[in-house]
Amino acid sequence: MGDLPPNHIPTPPVLDRYVRALITSKAQELIRRRRFKRHQKPDVIQEMTAAVIQAAPKFDSSRGAAMPTFCDRVATNHARSLIRQQRTARSGAGIVIESLHDLPHEMQGRSRLGICVQDIPDQVTSRQTASAVAEAIAQLPPRLASIAEGLKQDRPAELARRLGLSRQCIRCAMDQLRTRFLAAGLQPE
């Protein structure tokens, strides 16, 4: 035992070489075929490994299956679960969209999403001054503020390249900016 490094974490016996290879191949298949990103591979492997370790006590050899077969079934089911979670997240299921006009009267003028919600019809209508936009940008989190500033001079694809982000990330940030600017009372032209 004295020859192990101090930060060595023992591998559970359920994770033999075959099971680790199985989990890695299933993760690679998800990354390749199911629109997961390459940088998500370690997370997918970790989640599938955790699922196998958590399910290991439920293994019953009297049911006729070998441990590797059981682990394969657990990893496959967890992969399906990850695909369902991804679809749900992309479809926006569970997200409640509220109209700013339907807010209760006591919410008017209070902070929501980090920006003060104003009476939209009479506060800022067609004239969007540079100071109103600058004020709204100043209230944004730093990452969104830098993207908003970058969008003033670059197209989204150029900004994504310059910041080292994906175009999808820039589009999501643009959606958040639209929501926050509308909440601040800024209307699109």
Foldseek 3Di string as FASTA:
>chain_A
DVPDDPPDDDDPPLPDPLLLVLLLVLLVVCCVPQPDPPVCSVVSSVVLVVQLVVCVVVDDCVVPDDSSVVSNVSSVVVSVVVSVVVVCVVVVPPDDDDDLVPDPPVQAQPDDPQAHAHDQPPDDDDDDDPVLVVVLLVSDDPVLSVLVVVVVPDPLVVVCVVVVHDSVVSVVSVVVSVVSCVRNNDDDD
